[in-house]
Amino acid sequence: MTDDREPKAPRLPPRWFIRLAWAVHRGLYRFSGGHFGLWRPKPGRWGAMRLTTTGRRSGQPRSVILGYLEDGPNLVTLAMNGWGDGEPAWWLNLRAHPDATVRLAGQTRPVRGRAAVDAERERLWQRWREVDQQLDSFAALRSSPTAVVVLEPLPGRG
């Protein structure tokens, strides 16, 4: 017997739950003095980094913990805002002030952020598909395309 049912579209948890998960993750990172909450990517699994940008209006440092993949010397993340609509504040900040700092497990490095475009974006999106099979389904929940963000090491630094 075959199953003729349409596959169910992924459902996001309620927004309050996503915000709570983010707060718990940040709290774990802070409580441990940065010892827990960040990890390097492994085959088939993304890593977690802390990105510090400059606020586009305040000029103050703003930090967020994000998932990432490595692409040679570059780090690649998605500007997804919990798959909700609207651009995440960190991406708006990075577009206004591209130079930032990332804290990885055991390392801090200065970077410059930019959006991947065309063939590079497609290649990097495919890499994310390999670690998240529901990537396209979640991205379809947004009314605009999700930016693939490349964080390049700044030359002569770090």
N, C-alpha and C. Protein backbone atom coordinates (compact mmCIF):
# COMPACT_ATOMS: atom_id res chain seq x y z
N MET A 1 0.84 -1.18 0.00
CA MET A 1 0.00 0.00 0.00
C MET A 1 0.89 1.24 0.00
N THR A 2 0.56 2.20 -0.83
CA THR A 2 1.35 3.42 -0.90
C THR A 2 0.68 4.53 -0.10
N ASP A 3 1.49 5.44 0.32
CA ASP A 3 1.00 6.59 1.09
C ASP A 3 0.88 7.77 0.13
N ASP A 4 -0.35 8.16 -0.20
CA ASP A 4 -0.58 9.23 -1.16
C ASP A 4 -0.72 10.60 -0.50
N ARG A 5 -0.51 10.65 0.80
CA ARG A 5 -0.65 11.93 1.49
C ARG A 5 0.50 12.87 1.13
N GLU A 6 0.17 14.15 1.04
CA GLU A 6 1.19 15.17 0.82
C GLU A 6 2.06 15.27 2.06
N PRO A 7 3.37 15.46 1.88
CA PRO A 7 4.20 15.66 3.06
C PRO A 7 3.77 16.94 3.77
N LYS A 8 3.79 16.89 5.09
CA LYS A 8 3.39 18.05 5.88
C LYS A 8 4.45 19.13 5.80
N ALA A 9 3.98 20.35 5.66
CA ALA A 9 4.91 21.49 5.69
C ALA A 9 5.45 21.60 7.11
N PRO A 10 6.70 21.94 7.25
CA PRO A 10 7.25 22.07 8.60
C PRO A 10 6.55 23.20 9.34
N ARG A 11 6.40 23.00 10.62
CA ARG A 11 5.80 24.03 11.46
C ARG A 11 6.85 24.56 12.39
N LEU A 12 6.88 25.85 12.48
CA LEU A 12 7.80 26.48 13.42
C LEU A 12 7.20 26.42 14.81
N PRO A 13 8.06 26.29 15.83
CA PRO A 13 7.54 26.42 17.19
C PRO A 13 7.02 27.85 17.38
N PRO A 14 6.19 28.07 18.39
CA PRO A 14 5.73 29.43 18.65
C PRO A 14 6.91 30.38 18.86
N ARG A 15 6.72 31.64 18.49
CA ARG A 15 7.79 32.63 18.58
C ARG A 15 8.34 32.73 20.00
N TRP A 16 7.46 32.63 21.02
CA TRP A 16 7.92 32.72 22.40
C TRP A 16 8.89 31.59 22.72
N PHE A 17 8.67 30.42 22.15
CA PHE A 17 9.56 29.29 22.41
C PHE A 17 10.93 29.51 21.76
N ILE A 18 10.93 30.04 20.54
CA ILE A 18 12.19 30.34 19.86
C ILE A 18 12.99 31.36 20.66
N ARG A 19 12.31 32.42 21.12
CA ARG A 19 13.00 33.44 21.91
C ARG A 19 13.53 32.86 23.23
N LEU A 20 12.76 31.99 23.85
CA LEU A 20 13.20 31.35 25.09
C LEU A 20 14.44 30.49 24.83
N ALA A 21 14.43 29.72 23.75
CA ALA A 21 15.59 28.88 23.43
C ALA A 21 16.83 29.75 23.21
N TRP A 22 16.67 30.88 22.50
CA TRP A 22 17.80 31.78 22.29
C TRP A 22 18.31 32.32 23.62
N ALA A 23 17.38 32.71 24.51
CA ALA A 23 17.77 33.28 25.80
C ALA A 23 18.51 32.24 26.65
N VAL A 24 18.03 31.00 26.64
CA VAL A 24 18.70 29.94 27.40
C VAL A 24 20.10 29.70 26.85
N HIS A 25 20.25 29.68 25.54
CA HIS A 25 21.56 29.46 24.91
C HIS A 25 22.52 30.59 25.30
N ARG A 26 22.05 31.84 25.18
CA ARG A 26 22.90 32.98 25.59
C ARG A 26 23.25 32.90 27.07
N GLY A 27 22.27 32.52 27.90
CA GLY A 27 22.52 32.41 29.33
C GLY A 27 23.56 31.35 29.64
N LEU A 28 23.50 30.21 28.98
CA LEU A 28 24.49 29.16 29.17
C LEU A 28 25.87 29.67 28.79
N TYR A 29 25.95 30.39 27.68
CA TYR A 29 27.22 30.94 27.23
C TYR A 29 27.77 31.92 28.27
N ARG A 30 26.93 32.84 28.73
CA ARG A 30 27.39 33.85 29.70
C ARG A 30 27.74 33.22 31.04
N PHE A 31 26.88 32.34 31.55
CA PHE A 31 27.10 31.72 32.85
C PHE A 31 28.40 30.93 32.89
N SER A 32 28.74 30.30 31.77
CA SER A 32 29.96 29.49 31.72
C SER A 32 31.19 30.31 31.37
N GLY A 33 31.03 31.62 31.23
CA GLY A 33 32.16 32.46 30.84
C GLY A 33 32.63 32.18 29.42
N GLY A 34 31.72 31.72 28.58
CA GLY A 34 32.07 31.44 27.19
C GLY A 34 32.61 30.04 26.95
N HIS A 35 32.61 29.19 28.00
CA HIS A 35 33.14 27.83 27.84
C HIS A 35 32.13 26.87 27.20
N PHE A 36 30.84 27.16 27.35
CA PHE A 36 29.79 26.32 26.77
C PHE A 36 28.91 27.16 25.87
N GLY A 37 28.39 26.56 24.85
CA GLY A 37 27.47 27.26 23.96
C GLY A 37 28.02 27.50 22.57
N LEU A 38 29.33 27.32 22.38
CA LEU A 38 29.93 27.43 21.06
C LEU A 38 30.58 26.10 20.71
N TRP A 39 30.48 25.70 19.46
CA TRP A 39 31.13 24.46 19.03
C TRP A 39 31.48 24.56 17.55
N ARG A 40 32.46 23.77 17.16
CA ARG A 40 32.92 23.74 15.76
C ARG A 40 31.99 22.83 14.96
N PRO A 41 31.83 23.14 13.68
CA PRO A 41 31.03 22.24 12.84
C PRO A 41 31.74 20.92 12.62
N LYS A 42 30.95 19.89 12.42
CA LYS A 42 31.45 18.55 12.10
C LYS A 42 30.74 18.10 10.83
N PRO A 43 31.21 17.05 10.19
CA PRO A 43 30.51 16.57 9.00
C PRO A 43 29.03 16.32 9.31
N GLY A 44 28.16 16.93 8.54
CA GLY A 44 26.73 16.76 8.73
C GLY A 44 26.14 17.58 9.86
N ARG A 45 26.92 18.47 10.47
CA ARG A 45 26.43 19.25 11.60
C ARG A 45 27.03 20.65 11.57
N TRP A 46 26.20 21.66 11.81
CA TRP A 46 26.69 23.03 11.85
C TRP A 46 27.32 23.31 13.21
N GLY A 47 28.10 24.38 13.25
CA GLY A 47 28.70 24.84 14.49
C GLY A 47 27.95 26.04 15.04
N ALA A 48 28.38 26.52 16.20
CA ALA A 48 27.78 27.72 16.80
C ALA A 48 28.89 28.72 17.09
N MET A 49 28.66 29.97 16.70
CA MET A 49 29.63 31.04 16.92
C MET A 49 28.91 32.23 17.53
N ARG A 50 29.70 33.13 18.10
CA ARG A 50 29.16 34.39 18.63
C ARG A 50 29.65 35.50 17.70
N LEU A 51 28.72 36.17 17.06
CA LEU A 51 29.03 37.28 16.15
C LEU A 51 28.77 38.59 16.88
N THR A 52 29.75 39.49 16.86
CA THR A 52 29.57 40.82 17.43
C THR A 52 29.66 41.84 16.31
N THR A 53 28.57 42.56 16.10
CA THR A 53 28.49 43.59 15.08
C THR A 53 28.44 44.96 15.76
N THR A 54 28.48 46.00 14.96
CA THR A 54 28.28 47.37 15.45
C THR A 54 26.85 47.78 15.13
N GLY A 55 26.11 48.21 16.15
CA GLY A 55 24.73 48.63 15.94
C GLY A 55 24.63 49.72 14.90
N ARG A 56 23.73 49.57 13.96
CA ARG A 56 23.63 50.52 12.85
C ARG A 56 23.14 51.88 13.31
N ARG A 57 22.37 51.94 14.39
CA ARG A 57 21.89 53.22 14.90
C ARG A 57 22.64 53.64 16.16
N SER A 58 22.91 52.69 17.04
CA SER A 58 23.54 53.02 18.33
C SER A 58 25.05 53.15 18.25
N GLY A 59 25.67 52.41 17.31
CA GLY A 59 27.12 52.38 17.26
C GLY A 59 27.73 51.50 18.34
N GLN A 60 26.89 50.84 19.14
CA GLN A 60 27.35 49.99 20.24
C GLN A 60 27.53 48.55 19.76
N PRO A 61 28.41 47.78 20.42
CA PRO A 61 28.58 46.37 20.06
C PRO A 61 27.29 45.59 20.34
N ARG A 62 26.93 44.73 19.41
CA ARG A 62 25.74 43.87 19.54
C ARG A 62 26.15 42.44 19.21
N SER A 63 25.87 41.52 20.13
CA SER A 63 26.29 40.12 19.94
C SER A 63 25.10 39.19 19.80
N VAL A 64 25.30 38.14 19.03
CA VAL A 64 24.28 37.12 18.81
C VAL A 64 25.00 35.79 18.57
N ILE A 65 24.38 34.70 18.99
CA ILE A 65 24.93 33.36 18.72
C ILE A 65 24.22 32.80 17.50
N LEU A 66 25.01 32.34 16.53
CA LEU A 66 24.49 31.87 15.25
C LEU A 66 25.08 30.52 14.86
N GLY A 67 24.34 29.76 14.09
CA GLY A 67 24.88 28.56 13.47
C GLY A 67 25.73 28.94 12.28
N TYR A 68 26.74 28.12 11.99
CA TYR A 68 27.61 28.42 10.85
C TYR A 68 28.22 27.15 10.29
N LEU A 69 28.69 27.27 9.05
CA LEU A 69 29.49 26.24 8.39
C LEU A 69 30.81 26.89 7.99
N GLU A 70 31.83 26.08 7.83
CA GLU A 70 33.11 26.58 7.33
C GLU A 70 33.18 26.34 5.83
N ASP A 71 33.71 27.33 5.11
CA ASP A 71 33.93 27.24 3.67
C ASP A 71 35.33 27.76 3.42
N GLY A 72 36.31 26.88 3.51
CA GLY A 72 37.70 27.32 3.46
C GLY A 72 37.95 28.20 4.68
N PRO A 73 38.54 29.39 4.50
CA PRO A 73 38.78 30.27 5.64
C PRO A 73 37.53 31.05 6.06
N ASN A 74 36.47 30.99 5.25
CA ASN A 74 35.26 31.77 5.52
C ASN A 74 34.29 31.00 6.40
N LEU A 75 33.46 31.77 7.10
CA LEU A 75 32.36 31.22 7.88
C LEU A 75 31.08 31.62 7.17
N VAL A 76 30.11 30.71 7.14
CA VAL A 76 28.87 30.94 6.39
C VAL A 76 27.69 30.73 7.32
N THR A 77 26.80 31.70 7.36
CA THR A 77 25.60 31.61 8.18
C THR A 77 24.40 32.07 7.36
N LEU A 78 23.21 31.91 7.92
CA LEU A 78 21.98 32.30 7.23
C LEU A 78 21.29 33.40 8.01
N ALA A 79 20.85 34.45 7.32
CA ALA A 79 20.12 35.55 7.96
C ALA A 79 18.64 35.20 7.99
N MET A 80 18.27 34.32 8.93
CA MET A 80 16.94 33.74 8.88
C MET A 80 15.97 34.24 9.93
N ASN A 81 16.41 34.91 10.98
CA ASN A 81 15.52 35.47 11.99
C ASN A 81 14.55 34.42 12.54
N GLY A 82 15.06 33.25 12.83
CA GLY A 82 14.20 32.18 13.35
C GLY A 82 13.16 31.73 12.34
N TRP A 83 13.45 31.91 11.08
CA TRP A 83 12.59 31.62 9.93
C TRP A 83 11.35 32.50 9.90
N GLY A 84 11.28 33.51 10.74
CA GLY A 84 10.19 34.47 10.67
C GLY A 84 10.48 35.52 9.61
N ASP A 85 9.47 36.31 9.29
CA ASP A 85 9.67 37.38 8.31
C ASP A 85 10.53 38.49 8.90
N GLY A 86 11.07 39.28 8.02
CA GLY A 86 11.93 40.38 8.44
C GLY A 86 13.37 39.93 8.56
N GLU A 87 14.26 40.87 8.37
CA GLU A 87 15.69 40.57 8.47
C GLU A 87 16.11 40.63 9.93
N PRO A 88 17.00 39.74 10.35
CA PRO A 88 17.48 39.83 11.74
C PRO A 88 18.31 41.10 11.94
N ALA A 89 18.25 41.64 13.14
CA ALA A 89 18.97 42.89 13.45
C ALA A 89 20.46 42.75 13.17
N TRP A 90 21.05 41.59 13.47
CA TRP A 90 22.49 41.43 13.26
C TRP A 90 22.85 41.59 11.78
N TRP A 91 21.97 41.13 10.89
CA TRP A 91 22.25 41.25 9.46
C TRP A 91 22.10 42.70 9.00
N LEU A 92 21.11 43.40 9.51
CA LEU A 92 20.97 44.83 9.20
C LEU A 92 22.20 45.59 9.70
N ASN A 93 22.67 45.25 10.90
CA ASN A 93 23.88 45.88 11.44
C ASN A 93 25.09 45.58 10.58
N LEU A 94 25.24 44.33 10.17
CA LEU A 94 26.40 43.92 9.38
C LEU A 94 26.40 44.59 8.01
N ARG A 95 25.23 44.77 7.43
CA ARG A 95 25.16 45.47 6.14
C ARG A 95 25.57 46.93 6.30
N ALA A 96 25.22 47.54 7.43
CA ALA A 96 25.60 48.94 7.67
C ALA A 96 27.07 49.08 8.03
N HIS A 97 27.59 48.12 8.80
CA HIS A 97 28.98 48.12 9.26
C HIS A 97 29.54 46.70 9.04
N PRO A 98 30.11 46.42 7.87
CA PRO A 98 30.51 45.04 7.52
C PRO A 98 31.60 44.42 8.39
N ASP A 99 32.42 45.23 9.04
CA ASP A 99 33.49 44.67 9.88
C ASP A 99 32.91 44.25 11.23
N ALA A 100 33.25 43.04 11.65
CA ALA A 100 32.70 42.47 12.87
C ALA A 100 33.74 41.55 13.50
N THR A 101 33.36 40.91 14.58
CA THR A 101 34.22 39.94 15.26
C THR A 101 33.42 38.67 15.50
N VAL A 102 34.05 37.52 15.30
CA VAL A 102 33.41 36.26 15.66
C VAL A 102 34.23 35.57 16.74
N ARG A 103 33.51 34.96 17.65
CA ARG A 103 34.13 34.13 18.69
C ARG A 103 33.72 32.70 18.37
N LEU A 104 34.73 31.89 18.11
CA LEU A 104 34.51 30.47 17.86
C LEU A 104 34.95 29.72 19.11
N ALA A 105 34.71 28.43 19.16
CA ALA A 105 35.19 27.64 20.28
C ALA A 105 36.71 27.77 20.33
N GLY A 106 37.23 28.55 21.29
CA GLY A 106 38.66 28.67 21.48
C GLY A 106 39.37 29.72 20.64
N GLN A 107 38.66 30.56 19.91
CA GLN A 107 39.32 31.51 19.02
C GLN A 107 38.41 32.71 18.75
N THR A 108 39.03 33.89 18.64
CA THR A 108 38.32 35.09 18.22
C THR A 108 39.00 35.61 16.97
N ARG A 109 38.19 36.07 16.00
CA ARG A 109 38.80 36.60 14.78
C ARG A 109 37.96 37.74 14.21
N PRO A 110 38.64 38.76 13.66
CA PRO A 110 37.92 39.82 12.96
C PRO A 110 37.52 39.35 11.57
N VAL A 111 36.33 39.76 11.15
CA VAL A 111 35.79 39.35 9.86
C VAL A 111 35.12 40.52 9.17
N ARG A 112 34.86 40.33 7.89
CA ARG A 112 34.05 41.28 7.12
C ARG A 112 32.91 40.47 6.50
N GLY A 113 31.69 40.94 6.69
CA GLY A 113 30.52 40.22 6.21
C GLY A 113 30.01 40.74 4.88
N ARG A 114 29.43 39.81 4.12
CA ARG A 114 28.81 40.16 2.84
C ARG A 114 27.80 39.06 2.49
N ALA A 115 26.89 39.38 1.60
CA ALA A 115 25.92 38.39 1.13
C ALA A 115 26.51 37.62 -0.04
N ALA A 116 26.34 36.31 -0.02
CA ALA A 116 26.72 35.49 -1.18
C ALA A 116 25.68 35.71 -2.27
N VAL A 117 26.12 35.71 -3.52
CA VAL A 117 25.20 35.91 -4.64
C VAL A 117 25.45 34.86 -5.72
N ASP A 118 24.44 34.68 -6.54
CA ASP A 118 24.52 33.85 -7.74
C ASP A 118 25.02 32.43 -7.44
N ALA A 119 26.02 31.98 -8.19
CA ALA A 119 26.51 30.59 -8.07
C ALA A 119 27.07 30.31 -6.68
N GLU A 120 27.73 31.30 -6.09
CA GLU A 120 28.26 31.09 -4.73
C GLU A 120 27.12 30.86 -3.75
N ARG A 121 26.05 31.64 -3.86
CA ARG A 121 24.91 31.46 -2.97
C ARG A 121 24.30 30.06 -3.14
N GLU A 122 24.13 29.64 -4.37
CA GLU A 122 23.56 28.31 -4.64
C GLU A 122 24.44 27.21 -4.05
N ARG A 123 25.74 27.33 -4.23
CA ARG A 123 26.67 26.32 -3.71
C ARG A 123 26.60 26.26 -2.19
N LEU A 124 26.58 27.43 -1.55
CA LEU A 124 26.54 27.46 -0.08
C LEU A 124 25.18 27.03 0.45
N TRP A 125 24.11 27.36 -0.25
CA TRP A 125 22.77 26.91 0.15
C TRP A 125 22.72 25.38 0.11
N GLN A 126 23.32 24.80 -0.92
CA GLN A 126 23.38 23.34 -1.02
C GLN A 126 24.14 22.74 0.15
N ARG A 127 25.21 23.38 0.57
CA ARG A 127 25.96 22.90 1.74
C ARG A 127 25.07 22.90 2.98
N TRP A 128 24.25 23.95 3.14
CA TRP A 128 23.34 24.00 4.29
C TRP A 128 22.27 22.91 4.17
N ARG A 129 21.81 22.63 2.94
CA ARG A 129 20.83 21.55 2.75
C ARG A 129 21.36 20.22 3.26
N GLU A 130 22.67 20.01 3.14
CA GLU A 130 23.28 18.76 3.58
C GLU A 130 23.19 18.57 5.09
N VAL A 131 23.11 19.66 5.84
CA VAL A 131 23.00 19.53 7.30
C VAL A 131 21.58 19.79 7.80
N ASP A 132 20.72 20.32 6.95
CA ASP A 132 19.32 20.58 7.33
C ASP A 132 18.42 20.24 6.15
N GLN A 133 17.85 19.03 6.18
CA GLN A 133 17.04 18.57 5.06
C GLN A 133 15.75 19.37 4.90
N GLN A 134 15.32 20.10 5.93
CA GLN A 134 14.10 20.89 5.83
C GLN A 134 14.38 22.36 5.47
N LEU A 135 15.59 22.66 5.09
CA LEU A 135 15.99 24.04 4.81
C LEU A 135 15.04 24.73 3.83
N ASP A 136 14.77 24.11 2.70
CA ASP A 136 13.92 24.74 1.69
C ASP A 136 12.49 24.92 2.20
N SER A 137 11.99 23.96 2.95
CA SER A 137 10.63 24.07 3.48
C SER A 137 10.52 25.22 4.47
N PHE A 138 11.51 25.35 5.35
CA PHE A 138 11.49 26.47 6.30
C PHE A 138 11.67 27.80 5.57
N ALA A 139 12.57 27.84 4.60
CA ALA A 139 12.80 29.09 3.86
C ALA A 139 11.53 29.52 3.12
N ALA A 140 10.71 28.57 2.70
CA ALA A 140 9.47 28.89 1.99
C ALA A 140 8.46 29.59 2.90
N LEU A 141 8.65 29.50 4.20
CA LEU A 141 7.75 30.18 5.14
C LEU A 141 7.99 31.68 5.15
N ARG A 142 9.13 32.11 4.67
CA ARG A 142 9.47 33.54 4.64
C ARG A 142 8.95 34.18 3.36
N SER A 143 8.62 35.46 3.43
CA SER A 143 8.10 36.15 2.24
C SER A 143 9.22 36.67 1.34
N SER A 144 10.46 36.63 1.81
CA SER A 144 11.59 37.08 1.00
C SER A 144 12.72 36.06 1.11
N PRO A 145 13.64 36.05 0.15
CA PRO A 145 14.74 35.09 0.20
C PRO A 145 15.61 35.29 1.45
N THR A 146 16.15 34.20 1.93
CA THR A 146 17.04 34.23 3.09
C THR A 146 18.46 34.49 2.61
N ALA A 147 19.08 35.52 3.14
CA ALA A 147 20.46 35.84 2.75
C ALA A 147 21.42 34.77 3.27
N VAL A 148 22.34 34.37 2.42
CA VAL A 148 23.45 33.51 2.82
C VAL A 148 24.61 34.47 3.08
N VAL A 149 25.08 34.51 4.31
CA VAL A 149 26.07 35.51 4.73
C VAL A 149 27.44 34.86 4.84
N VAL A 150 28.42 35.47 4.18
CA VAL A 150 29.80 35.00 4.20
C VAL A 150 30.59 35.95 5.08
N LEU A 151 31.29 35.39 6.07
CA LEU A 151 32.16 36.17 6.95
C LEU A 151 33.60 35.82 6.59
N GLU A 152 34.27 36.78 5.97
CA GLU A 152 35.64 36.56 5.50
C GLU A 152 36.63 37.11 6.52
N PRO A 153 37.72 36.37 6.80
CA PRO A 153 38.73 36.90 7.72
C PRO A 153 39.34 38.18 7.15
N LEU A 154 39.55 39.14 8.02
CA LEU A 154 40.19 40.38 7.56
C LEU A 154 41.67 40.13 7.34
N PRO A 155 42.22 40.58 6.22
CA PRO A 155 43.63 40.34 5.91
C PRO A 155 44.56 40.94 6.96
N GLY A 156 45.60 40.17 7.29
CA GLY A 156 46.62 40.65 8.21
C GLY A 156 46.19 40.77 9.64
N ARG A 157 45.03 40.17 9.98
CA ARG A 157 44.55 40.24 11.36
C ARG A 157 44.21 38.84 11.84
N GLY A 158 44.04 38.72 13.15
CA GLY A 158 43.59 37.45 13.75
C GLY A 158 44.66 36.48 13.73
